[in-house]
Amino acid sequence: MKKVSIALCVALLFSATQVFSQNVEKPVTAKFLIDVGFDWGGDEILQVFFTNGSDQKMRAGQGINLGVGGEFQFANLKQFMVRSAISLKWTPTAADDANIMFLRFPVHLTPFWKINDDFRIGVGITTHLNPKLRGDGFFPDVSYTSTANPRFEFGYKWVALTYTPMSYKDQQGEVFSGNSVGVSFSGTLPSRK
């Protein structure tokens, strides 16, 4: 009888351990983040004239974004998450024979409040690393510096509207507004359940 009681206790303990271990959530869940976006706005930094008589204005806030990073969710704070990413942001020209572009590397850290499973709102901080207007031999490259600024985002599932106040200073000390409004498309791996 004693052996049966011990075996029963061990079996119950093993079963309870299995049930408990299945119900424990990780305190932090991390996912790989992919983000693609388009921004508009800012001061004019360059006007390019083409041989067909047309022209293109390049603005300091406009550009195409392609970024990677991480999304972090917390078991004890279901409505809270944090996203961080580094992106390549560039503004190309429509020229066929020139590779003139405004290039920079935005880095951001944005905490979010999840209103529900579909909607989120976030306010974070961002800076743009190594902003440079590349002249491709048509004019000398122009390097800029940027400041750390807030970043605002309102998202629905995989799409979001963003607003980033930003300023760039060139080598002569002239300041350009890089403020931008954008749309962002993002996803995580593994994908949400």
C-alpha atoms as a PDB file:
ATOM      1  CA  MET A   1       0.000   0.000   0.000  1.00  0.00           C
ATOM      2  CA  LYS A   2       2.861   2.364   0.831  1.00  0.00           C
ATOM      3  CA  LYS A   3       4.396   1.790  -2.627  1.00  0.00           C
ATOM      4  CA  VAL A   4       1.052   2.476  -4.320  1.00  0.00           C
ATOM      5  CA  SER A   5       0.605   5.732  -2.330  1.00  0.00           C
ATOM      6  CA  ILE A   6       4.095   6.919  -3.257  1.00  0.00           C
ATOM      7  CA  ALA A   7       3.514   6.020  -6.926  1.00  0.00           C
ATOM      8  CA  LEU A   8       0.164   7.846  -6.873  1.00  0.00           C
ATOM      9  CA  CYS A   9       1.748  10.946  -5.276  1.00  0.00           C
ATOM     10  CA  VAL A  10       4.559  10.961  -7.873  1.00  0.00           C
ATOM     11  CA  ALA A  11       2.016  10.584 -10.697  1.00  0.00           C
ATOM     12  CA  LEU A  12      -0.130  13.444  -9.327  1.00  0.00           C
ATOM     13  CA  LEU A  13       2.938  15.652  -8.862  1.00  0.00           C
ATOM     14  CA  PHE A  14       4.101  14.903 -12.415  1.00  0.00           C
ATOM     15  CA  SER A  15       0.608  15.660 -13.795  1.00  0.00           C
ATOM     16  CA  ALA A  16       0.358  18.910 -11.825  1.00  0.00           C
ATOM     17  CA  THR A  17       3.812  19.953 -13.032  1.00  0.00           C
ATOM     18  CA  GLN A  18       2.805  19.278 -16.650  1.00  0.00           C
ATOM     19  CA  VAL A  19      -0.427  21.306 -16.322  1.00  0.00           C
ATOM     20  CA  PHE A  20       1.359  24.172 -14.554  1.00  0.00           C
ATOM     21  CA  SER A  21       4.173  24.326 -17.121  1.00  0.00           C
ATOM     22  CA  GLN A  22       1.667  24.500 -19.984  1.00  0.00           C
ATOM     23  CA  ASN A  23      -0.155  27.472 -18.415  1.00  0.00           C
ATOM     24  CA  VAL A  24       2.950  29.589 -17.695  1.00  0.00           C
ATOM     25  CA  GLU A  25       3.420  32.436 -20.167  1.00  0.00           C
ATOM     26  CA  LYS A  26       6.782  33.878 -21.074  1.00  0.00           C
ATOM     27  CA  PRO A  27       7.188  37.273 -19.373  1.00  0.00           C
ATOM     28  CA  VAL A  28       8.327  38.851 -22.665  1.00  0.00           C
ATOM     29  CA  THR A  29       7.539  37.659 -26.183  1.00  0.00           C
ATOM     30  CA  ALA A  30       9.830  38.907 -28.955  1.00  0.00           C
ATOM     31  CA  LYS A  31       9.000  38.850 -32.666  1.00  0.00           C
ATOM     32  CA  PHE A  32      10.937  39.870 -35.761  1.00  0.00           C
ATOM     33  CA  LEU A  33       9.484  43.058 -37.294  1.00  0.00           C
ATOM     34  CA  ILE A  34       9.427  44.017 -40.990  1.00  0.00           C
ATOM     35  CA  ASP A  35       8.265  47.532 -41.884  1.00  0.00           C
ATOM     36  CA  VAL A  36       7.764  49.250 -45.263  1.00  0.00           C
ATOM     37  CA  GLY A  37       6.507  52.820 -45.568  1.00  0.00           C
ATOM     38  CA  PHE A  38       6.173  56.014 -47.560  1.00  0.00           C
ATOM     39  CA  ASP A  39       6.574  59.554 -46.171  1.00  0.00           C
ATOM     40  CA  TRP A  40       5.666  63.005 -47.497  1.00  0.00           C
ATOM     41  CA  GLY A  41       6.576  66.519 -46.380  1.00  0.00           C
ATOM     42  CA  GLY A  42       9.444  68.729 -45.324  1.00  0.00           C
ATOM     43  CA  ASP A  43      11.354  71.609 -46.867  1.00  0.00           C
ATOM     44  CA  GLU A  44      12.606  71.504 -50.436  1.00  0.00           C
ATOM     45  CA  ILE A  45      16.294  70.535 -50.456  1.00  0.00           C
ATOM     46  CA  LEU A  46      16.831  70.145 -54.190  1.00  0.00           C
ATOM     47  CA  GLN A  47      15.120  70.738 -57.514  1.00  0.00           C
ATOM     48  CA  VAL A  48      16.219  68.517 -60.389  1.00  0.00           C
ATOM     49  CA  PHE A  49      15.633  69.629 -64.002  1.00  0.00           C
ATOM     50  CA  PHE A  50      15.340  67.037 -66.767  1.00  0.00           C
ATOM     51  CA  THR A  51      16.199  67.343 -70.479  1.00  0.00           C
ATOM     52  CA  ASN A  52      12.526  66.958 -71.452  1.00  0.00           C
ATOM     53  CA  GLY A  53      11.722  70.228 -69.649  1.00  0.00           C
ATOM     54  CA  SER A  54      10.133  68.674 -66.550  1.00  0.00           C
ATOM     55  CA  ASP A  55      11.502  68.950 -63.023  1.00  0.00           C
ATOM     56  CA  GLN A  56      11.306  67.200 -59.654  1.00  0.00           C
ATOM     57  CA  LYS A  57      11.459  68.732 -56.185  1.00  0.00           C
ATOM     58  CA  MET A  58      13.074  66.671 -53.456  1.00  0.00           C
ATOM     59  CA  ARG A  59      11.779  67.338 -49.953  1.00  0.00           C
ATOM     60  CA  ALA A  60      13.629  66.558 -46.734  1.00  0.00           C
ATOM     61  CA  GLY A  61      10.762  64.568 -45.194  1.00  0.00           C
ATOM     62  CA  GLN A  62       9.712  62.489 -48.168  1.00  0.00           C
ATOM     63  CA  GLY A  63      11.017  59.033 -48.879  1.00  0.00           C
ATOM     64  CA  ILE A  64      10.589  55.294 -49.049  1.00  0.00           C
ATOM     65  CA  ASN A  65      11.299  53.290 -45.864  1.00  0.00           C
ATOM     66  CA  LEU A  66      12.394  49.686 -45.540  1.00  0.00           C
ATOM     67  CA  GLY A  67      13.100  48.568 -41.988  1.00  0.00           C
ATOM     68  CA  VAL A  68      13.703  45.598 -39.705  1.00  0.00           C
ATOM     69  CA  GLY A  69      13.573  45.308 -35.954  1.00  0.00           C
ATOM     70  CA  GLY A  70      11.689  43.713 -33.108  1.00  0.00           C
ATOM     71  CA  GLU A  71       8.308  43.767 -31.388  1.00  0.00           C
ATOM     72  CA  PHE A  72       8.141  43.024 -27.666  1.00  0.00           C
ATOM     73  CA  GLN A  73       4.960  42.105 -25.791  1.00  0.00           C
ATOM     74  CA  PHE A  74       4.644  41.618 -22.048  1.00  0.00           C
ATOM     75  CA  ALA A  75       2.591  38.892 -20.325  1.00  0.00           C
ATOM     76  CA  ASN A  76       1.689  41.083 -17.341  1.00  0.00           C
ATOM     77  CA  LEU A  77       0.831  44.156 -19.467  1.00  0.00           C
ATOM     78  CA  LYS A  78      -1.418  42.821 -22.224  1.00  0.00           C
ATOM     79  CA  GLN A  79      -2.275  46.299 -23.577  1.00  0.00           C
ATOM     80  CA  PHE A  80       1.365  47.392 -23.852  1.00  0.00           C
ATOM     81  CA  MET A  81       4.018  46.590 -26.474  1.00  0.00           C
ATOM     82  CA  VAL A  82       7.259  48.102 -27.755  1.00  0.00           C
ATOM     83  CA  ARG A  83       8.595  48.220 -31.289  1.00  0.00           C
ATOM     84  CA  SER A  84      12.134  49.142 -32.291  1.00  0.00           C
ATOM     85  CA  ALA A  85      13.587  49.237 -35.794  1.00  0.00           C
ATOM     86  CA  ILE A  86      16.314  50.564 -38.031  1.00  0.00           C
ATOM     87  CA  SER A  87      15.337  51.536 -41.562  1.00  0.00           C
ATOM     88  CA  LEU A  88      16.807  52.611 -44.834  1.00  0.00           C
ATOM     89  CA  LYS A  89      14.980  55.752 -46.006  1.00  0.00           C
ATOM     90  CA  TRP A  90      15.730  57.141 -49.434  1.00  0.00           C
ATOM     91  CA  THR A  91      14.329  59.707 -51.806  1.00  0.00           C
ATOM     92  CA  PRO A  92      15.286  58.877 -55.391  1.00  0.00           C
ATOM     93  CA  THR A  93      14.919  61.005 -58.505  1.00  0.00           C
ATOM     94  CA  ALA A  94      13.197  59.976 -61.709  1.00  0.00           C
ATOM     95  CA  ALA A  95      16.395  60.485 -63.744  1.00  0.00           C
ATOM     96  CA  ASP A  96      17.452  57.545 -65.907  1.00  0.00           C
ATOM     97  CA  ASP A  97      21.098  58.581 -66.177  1.00  0.00           C
ATOM     98  CA  ALA A  98      21.738  59.774 -62.594  1.00  0.00           C
ATOM     99  CA  ASN A  99      21.537  58.211 -59.154  1.00  0.00           C
ATOM    100  CA  ILE A 100      20.854  61.398 -57.179  1.00  0.00           C
ATOM    101  CA  MET A 101      19.165  60.584 -53.854  1.00  0.00           C
ATOM    102  CA  PHE A 102      18.656  61.706 -50.267  1.00  0.00           C
ATOM    103  CA  LEU A 103      19.632  58.798 -48.014  1.00  0.00           C
ATOM    104  CA  ARG A 104      19.321  58.322 -44.233  1.00  0.00           C
ATOM    105  CA  PHE A 105      18.917  55.559 -41.631  1.00  0.00           C
ATOM    106  CA  PRO A 106      16.028  56.180 -39.191  1.00  0.00           C
ATOM    107  CA  VAL A 107      16.212  54.410 -35.824  1.00  0.00           C
ATOM    108  CA  HIS A 108      13.189  54.411 -33.529  1.00  0.00           C
ATOM    109  CA  LEU A 109      11.964  53.033 -30.226  1.00  0.00           C
ATOM    110  CA  THR A 110       8.186  53.282 -29.852  1.00  0.00           C
ATOM    111  CA  PRO A 111       6.031  52.052 -26.953  1.00  0.00           C
ATOM    112  CA  PHE A 112       2.404  51.338 -27.902  1.00  0.00           C
ATOM    113  CA  TRP A 113      -0.900  51.159 -26.076  1.00  0.00           C
ATOM    114  CA  LYS A 114      -3.125  48.532 -27.687  1.00  0.00           C
ATOM    115  CA  ILE A 115      -6.671  49.895 -27.653  1.00  0.00           C
ATOM    116  CA  ASN A 116      -7.857  46.393 -28.615  1.00  0.00           C
ATOM    117  CA  ASP A 117      -6.475  43.526 -30.727  1.00  0.00           C
ATOM    118  CA  ASP A 118      -6.676  45.613 -33.915  1.00  0.00           C
ATOM    119  CA  PHE A 119      -5.915  49.247 -32.955  1.00  0.00           C
ATOM    120  CA  ARG A 120      -2.771  50.691 -31.380  1.00  0.00           C
ATOM    121  CA  ILE A 121      -1.381  54.129 -30.628  1.00  0.00           C
ATOM    122  CA  GLY A 122       2.274  54.878 -29.989  1.00  0.00           C
ATOM    123  CA  VAL A 123       4.572  57.742 -29.076  1.00  0.00           C
ATOM    124  CA  GLY A 124       8.285  57.095 -29.247  1.00  0.00           C
ATOM    125  CA  ILE A 125      11.651  58.591 -30.061  1.00  0.00           C
ATOM    126  CA  THR A 126      13.592  58.580 -33.336  1.00  0.00           C
ATOM    127  CA  THR A 127      16.737  59.912 -34.933  1.00  0.00           C
ATOM    128  CA  HIS A 128      18.085  59.664 -38.480  1.00  0.00           C
ATOM    129  CA  LEU A 129      21.659  58.450 -38.815  1.00  0.00           C
ATOM    130  CA  ASN A 130      24.033  59.696 -41.536  1.00  0.00           C
ATOM    131  CA  PRO A 131      21.627  61.822 -43.647  1.00  0.00           C
ATOM    132  CA  LYS A 132      23.303  62.533 -46.988  1.00  0.00           C
ATOM    133  CA  LEU A 133      22.243  64.074 -50.279  1.00  0.00           C
ATOM    134  CA  ARG A 134      24.197  62.148 -52.930  1.00  0.00           C
ATOM    135  CA  GLY A 135      25.003  64.128 -56.053  1.00  0.00           C
ATOM    136  CA  ASP A 136      26.286  61.208 -58.178  1.00  0.00           C
ATOM    137  CA  GLY A 137      28.944  63.435 -59.736  1.00  0.00           C
ATOM    138  CA  PHE A 138      26.505  66.183 -60.765  1.00  0.00           C
ATOM    139  CA  PHE A 139      27.214  68.109 -57.540  1.00  0.00           C
ATOM    140  CA  PRO A 140      29.204  67.390 -54.342  1.00  0.00           C
ATOM    141  CA  ASP A 141      27.524  65.209 -51.734  1.00  0.00           C
ATOM    142  CA  VAL A 142      25.957  67.136 -48.850  1.00  0.00           C
ATOM    143  CA  SER A 143      26.056  65.648 -45.334  1.00  0.00           C
ATOM    144  CA  TYR A 144      23.548  66.577 -42.639  1.00  0.00           C
ATOM    145  CA  THR A 145      23.052  65.985 -38.955  1.00  0.00           C
ATOM    146  CA  SER A 146      19.700  65.272 -37.327  1.00  0.00           C
ATOM    147  CA  THR A 147      18.271  65.553 -33.852  1.00  0.00           C
ATOM    148  CA  ALA A 148      16.353  63.096 -31.672  1.00  0.00           C
ATOM    149  CA  ASN A 149      12.631  63.771 -31.994  1.00  0.00           C
ATOM    150  CA  PRO A 150       9.298  62.194 -31.099  1.00  0.00           C
ATOM    151  CA  ARG A 151       7.535  59.788 -33.437  1.00  0.00           C
ATOM    152  CA  PHE A 152       3.758  59.302 -33.420  1.00  0.00           C
ATOM    153  CA  GLU A 153       1.908  56.308 -34.835  1.00  0.00           C
ATOM    154  CA  PHE A 154      -1.735  55.224 -35.029  1.00  0.00           C
ATOM    155  CA  GLY A 155      -2.154  51.707 -36.379  1.00  0.00           C
ATOM    156  CA  TYR A 156      -4.867  49.318 -37.453  1.00  0.00           C
ATOM    157  CA  LYS A 157      -3.675  45.723 -37.802  1.00  0.00           C
ATOM    158  CA  TRP A 158      -0.792  45.843 -40.341  1.00  0.00           C
ATOM    159  CA  VAL A 159      -1.222  49.459 -41.561  1.00  0.00           C
ATOM    160  CA  ALA A 160      -0.437  52.689 -39.670  1.00  0.00           C
ATOM    161  CA  LEU A 161      -0.346  56.449 -40.075  1.00  0.00           C
ATOM    162  CA  THR A 162       2.822  58.129 -38.784  1.00  0.00           C
ATOM    163  CA  TYR A 163       3.963  61.651 -38.022  1.00  0.00           C
ATOM    164  CA  THR A 164       7.612  62.535 -37.371  1.00  0.00           C
ATOM    165  CA  PRO A 165       8.854  66.064 -36.648  1.00  0.00           C
ATOM    166  CA  MET A 166      12.491  66.152 -37.777  1.00  0.00           C
ATOM    167  CA  SER A 167      15.132  68.728 -38.659  1.00  0.00           C
ATOM    168  CA  TYR A 168      18.384  68.420 -40.574  1.00  0.00           C
ATOM    169  CA  LYS A 169      21.372  70.767 -40.413  1.00  0.00           C
ATOM    170  CA  ASP A 170      23.827  70.945 -43.306  1.00  0.00           C
ATOM    171  CA  GLN A 171      27.577  71.653 -43.117  1.00  0.00           C
ATOM    172  CA  GLN A 172      27.000  75.414 -43.446  1.00  0.00           C
ATOM    173  CA  GLY A 173      24.597  75.420 -40.480  1.00  0.00           C
ATOM    174  CA  GLU A 174      21.394  75.827 -42.510  1.00  0.00           C
ATOM    175  CA  VAL A 175      18.447  73.967 -40.976  1.00  0.00           C
ATOM    176  CA  PHE A 176      15.795  72.172 -43.040  1.00  0.00           C
ATOM    177  CA  SER A 177      12.479  70.821 -41.817  1.00  0.00           C
ATOM    178  CA  GLY A 178      12.236  67.084 -42.375  1.00  0.00           C
ATOM    179  CA  ASN A 179       8.761  66.831 -40.838  1.00  0.00           C
ATOM    180  CA  SER A 180       6.855  63.994 -42.447  1.00  0.00           C
ATOM    181  CA  VAL A 181       3.463  62.328 -42.534  1.00  0.00           C
ATOM    182  CA  GLY A 182       3.528  58.744 -43.674  1.00  0.00           C
ATOM    183  CA  VAL A 183       1.847  55.414 -44.095  1.00  0.00           C
ATOM    184  CA  SER A 184       3.511  52.260 -42.835  1.00  0.00           C
ATOM    185  CA  PHE A 185       2.865  48.576 -43.521  1.00  0.00           C
ATOM    186  CA  SER A 186       4.290  46.119 -40.998  1.00  0.00           C
ATOM    187  CA  GLY A 187       4.254  42.478 -40.045  1.00  0.00           C
ATOM    188  CA  THR A 188       5.878  40.232 -37.472  1.00  0.00           C
ATOM    189  CA  LEU A 189       7.411  36.771 -37.579  1.00  0.00           C
ATOM    190  CA  PRO A 190       6.171  34.515 -36.257  1.00  0.00           C
ATOM    191  CA  SER A 191       2.856  36.057 -37.251  1.00  0.00           C
ATOM    192  CA  ARG A 192       0.214  36.772 -34.642  1.00  0.00           C
ATOM    193  CA  LYS A 193      -2.209  34.027 -33.773  1.00  0.00           C
END
